[in-house]
C-alpha atoms as a PDB file:
ATOM      1  CA  MET A   1      24.533 -28.010  10.793  1.00  0.00           C
ATOM      2  CA  THR A   2      21.691 -27.665  13.310  1.00  0.00           C
ATOM      3  CA  PHE A   3      18.021 -27.879  12.344  1.00  0.00           C
ATOM      4  CA  ASN A   4      17.544 -24.175  13.109  1.00  0.00           C
ATOM      5  CA  ASN A   5      20.485 -23.236  10.877  1.00  0.00           C
ATOM      6  CA  ALA A   6      19.125 -25.388   8.064  1.00  0.00           C
ATOM      7  CA  CYS A   7      15.771 -23.615   8.351  1.00  0.00           C
ATOM      8  CA  GLN A   8      17.547 -20.255   8.250  1.00  0.00           C
ATOM      9  CA  TYR A   9      19.554 -21.153   5.134  1.00  0.00           C
ATOM     10  CA  PHE A  10      16.414 -22.421   3.410  1.00  0.00           C
ATOM     11  CA  THR A  11      14.553 -19.202   4.252  1.00  0.00           C
ATOM     12  CA  ASN A  12      17.428 -16.984   3.104  1.00  0.00           C
ATOM     13  CA  ALA A  13      17.257 -18.674  -0.310  1.00  0.00           C
ATOM     14  CA  PHE A  14      13.657 -17.416  -0.678  1.00  0.00           C
ATOM     15  CA  PRO A  15      14.259 -15.714  -4.074  1.00  0.00           C
ATOM     16  CA  VAL A  16      15.694 -18.947  -5.477  1.00  0.00           C
ATOM     17  CA  TRP A  17      12.642 -21.027  -4.515  1.00  0.00           C
ATOM     18  CA  VAL A  18      10.158 -18.464  -5.837  1.00  0.00           C
ATOM     19  CA  LEU A  19      12.054 -18.033  -9.100  1.00  0.00           C
ATOM     20  CA  GLY A  20      12.346 -21.815  -9.448  1.00  0.00           C
ATOM     21  CA  ALA A  21       8.593 -22.230  -8.909  1.00  0.00           C
ATOM     22  CA  GLY A  22       7.880 -19.612 -11.562  1.00  0.00           C
ATOM     23  CA  ILE A  23      10.165 -21.256 -14.120  1.00  0.00           C
ATOM     24  CA  LEU A  24       8.772 -24.737 -13.388  1.00  0.00           C
ATOM     25  CA  ALA A  25       5.221 -23.429 -13.781  1.00  0.00           C
ATOM     26  CA  MET A  26       6.012 -21.961 -17.198  1.00  0.00           C
ATOM     27  CA  PHE A  27       7.550 -25.204 -18.477  1.00  0.00           C
ATOM     28  CA  TYR A  28       5.229 -27.708 -16.773  1.00  0.00           C
ATOM     29  CA  PRO A  29       2.141 -26.029 -15.228  1.00  0.00           C
ATOM     30  CA  PRO A  30       0.534 -29.241 -13.807  1.00  0.00           C
ATOM     31  CA  ALA A  31       3.413 -29.515 -11.334  1.00  0.00           C
ATOM     32  CA  LEU A  32       1.983 -26.551  -9.410  1.00  0.00           C
ATOM     33  CA  THR A  33      -1.505 -25.696 -10.676  1.00  0.00           C
ATOM     34  CA  TRP A  34      -3.012 -28.257  -8.272  1.00  0.00           C
ATOM     35  CA  PHE A  35      -2.370 -25.657  -5.543  1.00  0.00           C
ATOM     36  CA  GLN A  36      -5.401 -23.450  -6.168  1.00  0.00           C
ATOM     37  CA  GLY A  37      -8.760 -22.367  -4.779  1.00  0.00           C
ATOM     38  CA  SER A  38      -9.044 -22.800  -1.027  1.00  0.00           C
ATOM     39  CA  PHE A  39      -5.437 -24.060  -0.888  1.00  0.00           C
ATOM     40  CA  ILE A  40      -4.226 -20.546  -1.770  1.00  0.00           C
ATOM     41  CA  THR A  41      -6.583 -18.794   0.653  1.00  0.00           C
ATOM     42  CA  TYR A  42      -5.780 -21.059   3.599  1.00  0.00           C
ATOM     43  CA  GLY A  43      -2.116 -21.150   2.607  1.00  0.00           C
ATOM     44  CA  LEU A  44      -1.814 -17.391   2.911  1.00  0.00           C
ATOM     45  CA  GLY A  45      -3.661 -17.618   6.224  1.00  0.00           C
ATOM     46  CA  VAL A  46      -0.941 -19.990   7.438  1.00  0.00           C
ATOM     47  CA  VAL A  47       1.725 -17.473   6.320  1.00  0.00           C
ATOM     48  CA  MET A  48      -0.016 -14.702   8.280  1.00  0.00           C
ATOM     49  CA  LEU A  49      -0.387 -17.048  11.266  1.00  0.00           C
ATOM     50  CA  GLY A  50       3.367 -17.667  11.124  1.00  0.00           C
ATOM     51  CA  MET A  51       3.953 -13.929  11.160  1.00  0.00           C
ATOM     52  CA  GLY A  52       1.681 -13.632  14.179  1.00  0.00           C
ATOM     53  CA  LEU A  53       3.625 -16.352  16.011  1.00  0.00           C
ATOM     54  CA  THR A  54       6.740 -14.159  15.865  1.00  0.00           C
ATOM     55  CA  LEU A  55       4.939 -11.226  17.499  1.00  0.00           C
ATOM     56  CA  THR A  56       4.167 -10.427  21.123  1.00  0.00           C
ATOM     57  CA  VAL A  57       2.241  -7.674  22.829  1.00  0.00           C
ATOM     58  CA  GLN A  58       5.641  -6.134  23.632  1.00  0.00           C
ATOM     59  CA  ASP A  59       6.412  -5.895  19.899  1.00  0.00           C
ATOM     60  CA  PHE A  60       3.395  -3.667  19.458  1.00  0.00           C
ATOM     61  CA  LYS A  61       4.608  -1.522  22.353  1.00  0.00           C
ATOM     62  CA  ASN A  62       8.054  -1.349  20.721  1.00  0.00           C
ATOM     63  CA  ILE A  63       6.462   0.289  17.699  1.00  0.00           C
ATOM     64  CA  LEU A  64       6.154   3.383  19.885  1.00  0.00           C
ATOM     65  CA  ILE A  65       9.977   3.541  19.920  1.00  0.00           C
ATOM     66  CA  TYR A  66      10.003   4.327  16.181  1.00  0.00           C
ATOM     67  CA  PRO A  67       6.941   6.574  15.688  1.00  0.00           C
ATOM     68  CA  ARG A  68       8.607   8.930  13.180  1.00  0.00           C
ATOM     69  CA  LEU A  69      10.274   6.111  11.262  1.00  0.00           C
ATOM     70  CA  ILE A  70       7.049   4.092  11.171  1.00  0.00           C
ATOM     71  CA  LEU A  71       5.091   7.109   9.966  1.00  0.00           C
ATOM     72  CA  VAL A  72       7.507   7.815   7.104  1.00  0.00           C
ATOM     73  CA  GLY A  73       7.633   4.150   6.070  1.00  0.00           C
ATOM     74  CA  VAL A  74       3.873   3.619   6.128  1.00  0.00           C
ATOM     75  CA  VAL A  75       3.105   6.874   4.304  1.00  0.00           C
ATOM     76  CA  LEU A  76       5.581   5.931   1.563  1.00  0.00           C
ATOM     77  CA  GLN A  77       4.136   2.391   1.430  1.00  0.00           C
ATOM     78  CA  TYR A  78       0.612   3.636   0.802  1.00  0.00           C
ATOM     79  CA  SER A  79       1.456   6.553  -1.480  1.00  0.00           C
ATOM     80  CA  VAL A  80       4.466   5.755  -3.686  1.00  0.00           C
ATOM     81  CA  MET A  81       3.349   2.245  -4.665  1.00  0.00           C
ATOM     82  CA  PRO A  82      -0.421   2.684  -5.270  1.00  0.00           C
ATOM     83  CA  PHE A  83      -0.087   5.859  -7.327  1.00  0.00           C
ATOM     84  CA  ALA A  84       2.902   4.459  -9.224  1.00  0.00           C
ATOM     85  CA  GLY A  85       0.760   1.400  -9.967  1.00  0.00           C
ATOM     86  CA  LEU A  86      -2.044   3.578 -11.331  1.00  0.00           C
ATOM     87  CA  ALA A  87       0.357   5.688 -13.409  1.00  0.00           C
ATOM     88  CA  LEU A  88       2.103   2.638 -14.896  1.00  0.00           C
ATOM     89  CA  ALA A  89      -1.148   0.796 -15.653  1.00  0.00           C
ATOM     90  CA  THR A  90      -2.404   3.902 -17.453  1.00  0.00           C
ATOM     91  CA  TYR A  91       0.830   4.692 -19.292  1.00  0.00           C
ATOM     92  CA  PHE A  92       1.298   1.143 -20.588  1.00  0.00           C
ATOM     93  CA  GLU A  93      -2.439   0.810 -21.386  1.00  0.00           C
ATOM     94  CA  LEU A  94      -2.697  -2.562 -19.682  1.00  0.00           C
ATOM     95  CA  PRO A  95      -5.849  -4.642 -20.245  1.00  0.00           C
ATOM     96  CA  LYS A  96      -8.487  -3.834 -17.638  1.00  0.00           C
ATOM     97  CA  MET A  97      -8.033  -6.859 -15.374  1.00  0.00           C
ATOM     98  CA  MET A  98      -4.227  -6.728 -15.622  1.00  0.00           C
ATOM     99  CA  ALA A  99      -4.401  -3.052 -14.630  1.00  0.00           C
ATOM    100  CA  VAL A 100      -6.679  -3.878 -11.693  1.00  0.00           C
ATOM    101  CA  GLY A 101      -4.256  -6.598 -10.555  1.00  0.00           C
ATOM    102  CA  LEU A 102      -1.283  -4.226 -10.784  1.00  0.00           C
ATOM    103  CA  ILE A 103      -3.054  -1.513  -8.789  1.00  0.00           C
ATOM    104  CA  LEU A 104      -4.196  -4.083  -6.209  1.00  0.00           C
ATOM    105  CA  VAL A 105      -0.689  -5.456  -5.617  1.00  0.00           C
ATOM    106  CA  ALA A 106       0.609  -1.872  -5.397  1.00  0.00           C
ATOM    107  CA  SER A 107      -2.003  -1.138  -2.717  1.00  0.00           C
ATOM    108  CA  CYS A 108      -0.998  -4.108  -0.542  1.00  0.00           C
ATOM    109  CA  PRO A 109       1.218  -3.882   2.565  1.00  0.00           C
ATOM    110  CA  GLY A 110       4.846  -4.890   2.847  1.00  0.00           C
ATOM    111  CA  GLY A 111       5.413  -8.634   2.634  1.00  0.00           C
ATOM    112  CA  THR A 112       7.030 -10.898   5.206  1.00  0.00           C
ATOM    113  CA  ALA A 113       9.798 -11.586   2.686  1.00  0.00           C
ATOM    114  CA  SER A 114      10.973  -8.037   3.342  1.00  0.00           C
ATOM    115  CA  ASN A 115      11.996  -9.084   6.864  1.00  0.00           C
ATOM    116  CA  VAL A 116      14.188 -11.831   5.430  1.00  0.00           C
ATOM    117  CA  ILE A 117      15.808  -9.428   2.953  1.00  0.00           C
ATOM    118  CA  ALA A 118      16.303  -6.813   5.702  1.00  0.00           C
ATOM    119  CA  PHE A 119      18.106  -9.413   7.808  1.00  0.00           C
ATOM    120  CA  ILE A 120      20.402 -10.524   4.985  1.00  0.00           C
ATOM    121  CA  ALA A 121      21.084  -6.895   3.968  1.00  0.00           C
ATOM    122  CA  LYS A 122      22.013  -6.020   7.581  1.00  0.00           C
ATOM    123  CA  ALA A 123      19.279  -3.402   7.716  1.00  0.00           C
ATOM    124  CA  ASN A 124      17.218  -2.616  10.839  1.00  0.00           C
ATOM    125  CA  VAL A 125      15.300  -5.891  11.273  1.00  0.00           C
ATOM    126  CA  ALA A 126      13.291  -4.683  14.289  1.00  0.00           C
ATOM    127  CA  LEU A 127      12.108  -1.681  12.294  1.00  0.00           C
ATOM    128  CA  SER A 128      11.379  -3.920   9.295  1.00  0.00           C
ATOM    129  CA  VAL A 129       9.176  -6.215  11.392  1.00  0.00           C
ATOM    130  CA  SER A 130       7.425  -3.206  12.947  1.00  0.00           C
ATOM    131  CA  LEU A 131       6.771  -1.651   9.533  1.00  0.00           C
ATOM    132  CA  THR A 132       5.456  -4.934   8.133  1.00  0.00           C
ATOM    133  CA  THR A 133       3.192  -5.349  11.166  1.00  0.00           C
ATOM    134  CA  VAL A 134       1.774  -1.831  11.023  1.00  0.00           C
ATOM    135  CA  SER A 135       1.304  -1.757   7.243  1.00  0.00           C
ATOM    136  CA  THR A 136      -0.326  -5.217   7.357  1.00  0.00           C
ATOM    137  CA  LEU A 137      -2.794  -4.182  10.042  1.00  0.00           C
ATOM    138  CA  LEU A 138      -3.530  -0.923   8.193  1.00  0.00           C
ATOM    139  CA  ALA A 139      -4.076  -2.973   5.024  1.00  0.00           C
ATOM    140  CA  ILE A 140      -7.406  -4.085   6.459  1.00  0.00           C
ATOM    141  CA  PHE A 141      -8.630  -0.570   5.642  1.00  0.00           C
ATOM    142  CA  MET A 142      -6.043   0.886   3.262  1.00  0.00           C
ATOM    143  CA  THR A 143      -5.947  -1.863   0.618  1.00  0.00           C
ATOM    144  CA  PRO A 144      -9.730  -1.890  -0.006  1.00  0.00           C
ATOM    145  CA  LEU A 145      -9.964   1.930   0.138  1.00  0.00           C
ATOM    146  CA  LEU A 146      -7.032   2.551  -2.208  1.00  0.00           C
ATOM    147  CA  THR A 147      -8.121  -0.163  -4.630  1.00  0.00           C
ATOM    148  CA  ASP A 148     -11.669   1.179  -4.701  1.00  0.00           C
ATOM    149  CA  TYR A 149     -10.448   4.758  -5.203  1.00  0.00           C
ATOM    150  CA  LEU A 150      -7.831   4.000  -7.861  1.00  0.00           C
ATOM    151  CA  VAL A 151      -9.711   1.272  -9.747  1.00  0.00           C
ATOM    152  CA  GLY A 152     -13.129   2.914  -9.493  1.00  0.00           C
ATOM    153  CA  SER A 153     -12.943   4.472 -12.954  1.00  0.00           C
ATOM    154  CA  ARG A 154     -12.159   1.083 -14.538  1.00  0.00           C
ATOM    155  CA  LEU A 155     -14.368  -1.281 -12.608  1.00  0.00           C
ATOM    156  CA  ASN A 156     -17.106  -1.351  -9.984  1.00  0.00           C
ATOM    157  CA  VAL A 157     -15.238  -2.500  -6.860  1.00  0.00           C
ATOM    158  CA  ASP A 158     -17.034  -4.136  -3.931  1.00  0.00           C
ATOM    159  CA  ALA A 159     -14.916  -2.438  -1.253  1.00  0.00           C
ATOM    160  CA  TRP A 160     -16.830  -4.147   1.575  1.00  0.00           C
ATOM    161  CA  ASN A 161     -16.170  -7.623   0.197  1.00  0.00           C
ATOM    162  CA  LEU A 162     -12.512  -6.667  -0.291  1.00  0.00           C
ATOM    163  CA  PHE A 163     -12.418  -5.492   3.336  1.00  0.00           C
ATOM    164  CA  ILE A 164     -13.989  -8.720   4.653  1.00  0.00           C
ATOM    165  CA  GLY A 165     -11.530 -10.794   2.602  1.00  0.00           C
ATOM    166  CA  THR A 166      -8.599  -8.851   4.041  1.00  0.00           C
ATOM    167  CA  VAL A 167      -9.869  -9.309   7.596  1.00  0.00           C
ATOM    168  CA  LYS A 168     -10.194 -13.079   7.105  1.00  0.00           C
ATOM    169  CA  VAL A 169      -6.798 -13.565   5.485  1.00  0.00           C
ATOM    170  CA  VAL A 170      -4.769 -11.020   7.490  1.00  0.00           C
ATOM    171  CA  LEU A 171      -6.264  -9.913  10.804  1.00  0.00           C
ATOM    172  CA  ILE A 172      -7.700 -13.178  12.147  1.00  0.00           C
ATOM    173  CA  PRO A 173      -4.565 -15.327  11.523  1.00  0.00           C
ATOM    174  CA  ILE A 174      -2.241 -12.653  12.953  1.00  0.00           C
ATOM    175  CA  LEU A 175      -4.366 -12.218  16.087  1.00  0.00           C
ATOM    176  CA  LEU A 176      -4.471 -16.011  16.484  1.00  0.00           C
ATOM    177  CA  GLY A 177      -0.683 -16.171  16.150  1.00  0.00           C
ATOM    178  CA  VAL A 178      -0.122 -13.398  18.709  1.00  0.00           C
ATOM    179  CA  SER A 179      -2.559 -15.120  21.107  1.00  0.00           C
ATOM    180  CA  LEU A 180      -0.756 -18.458  20.767  1.00  0.00           C
ATOM    181  CA  ASN A 181       2.585 -16.749  21.337  1.00  0.00           C
ATOM    182  CA  THR A 182       1.203 -15.021  24.422  1.00  0.00           C
ATOM    183  CA  PHE A 183      -0.602 -17.904  26.120  1.00  0.00           C
ATOM    184  CA  PHE A 184       1.285 -20.950  24.811  1.00  0.00           C
ATOM    185  CA  LYS A 185       4.832 -19.630  24.707  1.00  0.00           C
ATOM    186  CA  LYS A 186       6.653 -22.977  24.997  1.00  0.00           C
ATOM    187  CA  THR A 187       4.658 -24.564  22.188  1.00  0.00           C
ATOM    188  CA  THR A 188       5.159 -21.487  20.002  1.00  0.00           C
ATOM    189  CA  GLU A 189       8.934 -21.573  20.533  1.00  0.00           C
ATOM    190  CA  LYS A 190       8.997 -25.088  19.063  1.00  0.00           C
ATOM    191  CA  LEU A 191       7.059 -23.913  16.002  1.00  0.00           C
ATOM    192  CA  LEU A 192       9.051 -20.725  15.342  1.00  0.00           C
ATOM    193  CA  PRO A 193      12.007 -22.306  13.457  1.00  0.00           C
ATOM    194  CA  ILE A 194       9.717 -23.973  10.904  1.00  0.00           C
ATOM    195  CA  ALA A 195       7.352 -21.010  10.391  1.00  0.00           C
ATOM    196  CA  PRO A 196       9.588 -19.063   7.924  1.00  0.00           C
ATOM    197  CA  PRO A 197      10.421 -22.107   5.726  1.00  0.00           C
ATOM    198  CA  ILE A 198       6.728 -23.027   5.578  1.00  0.00           C
ATOM    199  CA  ALA A 199       5.925 -19.438   4.546  1.00  0.00           C
ATOM    200  CA  VAL A 200       8.558 -19.639   1.797  1.00  0.00           C
ATOM    201  CA  ILE A 201       7.134 -22.929   0.489  1.00  0.00           C
ATOM    202  CA  ILE A 202       3.564 -21.595   0.467  1.00  0.00           C
ATOM    203  CA  ILE A 203       4.475 -18.345  -1.322  1.00  0.00           C
ATOM    204  CA  ALA A 204       6.465 -20.337  -3.914  1.00  0.00           C
ATOM    205  CA  LEU A 205       3.456 -22.634  -4.440  1.00  0.00           C
ATOM    206  CA  ILE A 206       1.097 -19.651  -4.804  1.00  0.00           C
ATOM    207  CA  VAL A 207       3.379 -17.965  -7.341  1.00  0.00           C
ATOM    208  CA  GLY A 208       3.879 -21.171  -9.299  1.00  0.00           C
ATOM    209  CA  SER A 209       0.172 -21.975  -9.315  1.00  0.00           C
ATOM    210  CA  VAL A 210      -0.909 -18.545 -10.558  1.00  0.00           C
ATOM    211  CA  ILE A 211       1.794 -18.434 -13.232  1.00  0.00           C
ATOM    212  CA  GLY A 212       0.923 -21.970 -14.343  1.00  0.00           C
ATOM    213  CA  GLN A 213      -2.789 -21.174 -14.557  1.00  0.00           C
ATOM    214  CA  GLY A 214      -2.156 -17.922 -16.402  1.00  0.00           C
ATOM    215  CA  LYS A 215       0.638 -19.177 -18.671  1.00  0.00           C
ATOM    216  CA  ALA A 216      -1.254 -18.428 -21.895  1.00  0.00           C
ATOM    217  CA  GLU A 217      -2.215 -14.911 -20.763  1.00  0.00           C
ATOM    218  CA  ILE A 218       1.347 -14.212 -19.603  1.00  0.00           C
ATOM    219  CA  LEU A 219       2.789 -15.280 -22.946  1.00  0.00           C
ATOM    220  CA  THR A 220       0.312 -13.106 -24.846  1.00  0.00           C
ATOM    221  CA  ALA A 221       0.474 -10.116 -22.474  1.00  0.00           C
ATOM    222  CA  GLY A 222       3.533  -8.745 -24.248  1.00  0.00           C
ATOM    223  CA  PRO A 223       6.425  -6.927 -22.600  1.00  0.00           C
ATOM    224  CA  ASN A 224       4.310  -4.056 -21.225  1.00  0.00           C
ATOM    225  CA  LEU A 225       3.048  -6.004 -18.215  1.00  0.00           C
ATOM    226  CA  PHE A 226       6.551  -7.132 -17.227  1.00  0.00           C
ATOM    227  CA  ILE A 227       8.017  -3.645 -17.733  1.00  0.00           C
ATOM    228  CA  ALA A 228       5.212  -2.064 -15.677  1.00  0.00           C
ATOM    229  CA  ILE A 229       5.720  -4.489 -12.780  1.00  0.00           C
ATOM    230  CA  GLY A 230       9.503  -4.116 -12.974  1.00  0.00           C
ATOM    231  CA  LEU A 231       9.227  -0.323 -12.847  1.00  0.00           C
ATOM    232  CA  LEU A 232       6.676  -0.471 -10.010  1.00  0.00           C
ATOM    233  CA  HIS A 233       9.081  -2.271  -7.684  1.00  0.00           C
ATOM    234  CA  LEU A 234      12.066  -0.285  -8.915  1.00  0.00           C
ATOM    235  CA  PHE A 235      10.246   2.936  -8.013  1.00  0.00           C
ATOM    236  CA  GLY A 236       9.405   1.451  -4.616  1.00  0.00           C
ATOM    237  CA  PHE A 237      12.999   0.554  -3.778  1.00  0.00           C
ATOM    238  CA  VAL A 238      14.570   3.737  -5.189  1.00  0.00           C
ATOM    239  CA  LEU A 239      12.030   6.309  -3.989  1.00  0.00           C
ATOM    240  CA  GLY A 240      11.675   4.564  -0.630  1.00  0.00           C
ATOM    241  CA  TYR A 241      15.427   4.867  -0.155  1.00  0.00           C
ATOM    242  CA  ILE A 242      15.901   8.418  -1.461  1.00  0.00           C
ATOM    243  CA  ILE A 243      12.927  10.009   0.321  1.00  0.00           C
ATOM    244  CA  SER A 244      13.559   8.308   3.671  1.00  0.00           C
ATOM    245  CA  LYS A 245      17.291   9.134   3.464  1.00  0.00           C
ATOM    246  CA  LEU A 246      16.491  12.807   2.843  1.00  0.00           C
ATOM    247  CA  LEU A 247      13.924  12.935   5.642  1.00  0.00           C
ATOM    248  CA  LEU A 248      15.589  10.764   8.295  1.00  0.00           C
ATOM    249  CA  LYS A 249      19.341  11.103   7.515  1.00  0.00           C
ATOM    250  CA  ASP A 250      20.051   7.476   8.454  1.00  0.00           C
ATOM    251  CA  GLU A 251      21.529   4.965   5.986  1.00  0.00           C
ATOM    252  CA  GLN A 252      20.382   1.800   7.766  1.00  0.00           C
ATOM    253  CA  VAL A 253      16.853   3.144   8.234  1.00  0.00           C
ATOM    254  CA  ALA A 254      16.717   4.272   4.587  1.00  0.00           C
ATOM    255  CA  ARG A 255      17.695   0.773   3.444  1.00  0.00           C
ATOM    256  CA  THR A 256      15.045  -0.769   5.684  1.00  0.00           C
ATOM    257  CA  ILE A 257      12.266   1.505   4.423  1.00  0.00           C
ATOM    258  CA  SER A 258      13.430   0.982   0.831  1.00  0.00           C
ATOM    259  CA  ILE A 259      12.997  -2.784   1.256  1.00  0.00           C
ATOM    260  CA  GLU A 260       9.600  -2.403   2.922  1.00  0.00           C
ATOM    261  CA  VAL A 261       8.242  -0.064   0.254  1.00  0.00           C
ATOM    262  CA  GLY A 262       9.683  -2.059  -2.648  1.00  0.00           C
ATOM    263  CA  MET A 263       8.483  -5.500  -1.508  1.00  0.00           C
ATOM    264  CA  GLN A 264       4.724  -6.027  -1.437  1.00  0.00           C
ATOM    265  CA  ASN A 265       2.624  -8.811   0.045  1.00  0.00           C
ATOM    266  CA  SER A 266       2.025 -10.290  -3.407  1.00  0.00           C
ATOM    267  CA  GLY A 267       0.413 -13.399  -1.934  1.00  0.00           C
ATOM    268  CA  LEU A 268      -2.299 -11.235  -0.385  1.00  0.00           C
ATOM    269  CA  SER A 269      -2.911  -9.499  -3.713  1.00  0.00           C
ATOM    270  CA  VAL A 270      -3.301 -12.874  -5.437  1.00  0.00           C
ATOM    271  CA  VAL A 271      -5.894 -14.068  -2.917  1.00  0.00           C
ATOM    272  CA  LEU A 272      -7.869 -10.806  -2.982  1.00  0.00           C
ATOM    273  CA  ALA A 273      -7.693 -10.624  -6.785  1.00  0.00           C
ATOM    274  CA  LYS A 274      -8.961 -14.209  -7.110  1.00  0.00           C
ATOM    275  CA  GLN A 275     -11.808 -13.613  -4.667  1.00  0.00           C
ATOM    276  CA  ASN A 276     -12.921 -10.276  -6.109  1.00  0.00           C
ATOM    277  CA  PHE A 277     -11.820  -9.913  -9.739  1.00  0.00           C
ATOM    278  CA  GLY A 278     -10.993 -13.330 -11.228  1.00  0.00           C
ATOM    279  CA  GLN A 279      -7.996 -15.269 -12.504  1.00  0.00           C
ATOM    280  CA  MET A 280      -6.656 -12.607 -14.896  1.00  0.00           C
ATOM    281  CA  ALA A 281      -6.204 -10.091 -12.078  1.00  0.00           C
ATOM    282  CA  THR A 282      -4.025 -12.526 -10.104  1.00  0.00           C
ATOM    283  CA  ILE A 283      -1.234 -12.592 -12.700  1.00  0.00           C
ATOM    284  CA  PRO A 284       0.411  -9.237 -11.800  1.00  0.00           C
ATOM    285  CA  GLY A 285       0.643 -10.411  -8.180  1.00  0.00           C
ATOM    286  CA  ALA A 286       2.459 -13.609  -9.145  1.00  0.00           C
ATOM    287  CA  ILE A 287       4.909 -11.798 -11.429  1.00  0.00           C
ATOM    288  CA  SER A 288       5.336  -9.171  -8.705  1.00  0.00           C
ATOM    289  CA  ALA A 289       6.474 -11.850  -6.229  1.00  0.00           C
ATOM    290  CA  LEU A 290       9.217 -12.922  -8.620  1.00  0.00           C
ATOM    291  CA  THR A 291      10.211  -9.347  -9.412  1.00  0.00           C
ATOM    292  CA  HIS A 292      10.555  -7.983  -5.894  1.00  0.00           C
ATOM    293  CA  CYS A 293      12.536 -11.062  -4.831  1.00  0.00           C
ATOM    294  CA  ILE A 294      15.026 -10.399  -7.639  1.00  0.00           C
ATOM    295  CA  TYR A 295      15.272  -6.708  -6.710  1.00  0.00           C
ATOM    296  CA  GLY A 296      15.649  -7.611  -3.042  1.00  0.00           C
ATOM    297  CA  SER A 297      18.521  -9.957  -3.877  1.00  0.00           C
ATOM    298  CA  ILE A 298      20.200  -7.238  -5.964  1.00  0.00           C
ATOM    299  CA  ALA A 299      19.792  -4.743  -3.106  1.00  0.00           C
ATOM    300  CA  VAL A 300      21.371  -7.240  -0.685  1.00  0.00           C
ATOM    301  CA  TYR A 301      24.354  -7.706  -3.014  1.00  0.00           C
ATOM    302  CA  ILE A 302      24.892  -3.947  -3.499  1.00  0.00           C
ATOM    303  CA  TRP A 303      24.527  -3.003   0.152  1.00  0.00           C
ATOM    304  CA  ASN A 304      26.600  -5.888   1.505  1.00  0.00           C
ATOM    305  CA  ARG A 305      29.339  -5.006  -0.975  1.00  0.00           C
ATOM    306  CA  LYS A 306      29.260  -1.407   0.267  1.00  0.00           C
ATOM    307  CA  ASN A 307      29.419  -2.690   3.856  1.00  0.00           C
ATOM    308  CA  ARG A 308      32.517  -4.767   3.062  1.00  0.00           C
ATOM    309  CA  LYS A 309      34.211  -1.789   1.430  1.00  0.00           C
ATOM    310  CA  SER A 310      33.431   0.396   4.445  1.00  0.00           C
ATOM    311  CA  GLU A 311      34.849  -2.239   6.823  1.00  0.00           C
ATOM    312  CA  LYS A 312      38.136  -2.339   4.873  1.00  0.00           C
ATOM    313  CA  ARG A 313      38.677   1.392   5.259  1.00  0.00           C
END
């Protein structure tokens, strides 16, 4: 097995590593709680830098190839999830900071893990990357605005501070990555194989750390928090698929948009929650990372099984 193949296999097992980190954190928190504070902030910056390293100026031009598909995906991303988050937080009467964390993660862009799931599910990977890129860049404005609008009745949100935090963690690392890929192509090509595995490790560490730190709150939160987060991502996957299939009449595109809408950048929500609202608000983001990975794996199994059946006909 080549080094590149080993990196690919490791990355494809993303749900396993995240789930393992979550379980380890519940049984022995000190194993992962050391990864906190600036480690989490800079760690997510490294993940966003890795995403930037995979992008070129041409990729941004390629977005123009899918304007209608991008529009549908982004609109669903920033409508279905945030308002579902608000509705679920209200219906299940979540504690204030848990509700804020749920709404924040619902208002975040699609995560880079969605690109991995899209690849394994044989969806449209180019479209997946384009959707993740556009929704991530729009997050600089959309995540603070949506969070401020939807959380405003529960808490006084400093939208400007949320905006600045998003710029630091998202925009700057991505622009740095694109610049490196543009001006130092040969060096970037050597780094590309290890970027996804590093991203997987960092996200697993973030999830494990937050779950470990919030173990007591998680155990006392009751089933409502878990049900709300489970339904949030279920709505994202199902509504993303149904609405895009009805509008665009394309199975592969519908699967891609379903994955993008259903899988949030939970790491970003954890960092922003920690910086703006405190430890309690980070917990929904950590549980969300586990949840959407499980749903993504289920979607891969279902769709790949359907693909095999279609090939036999």
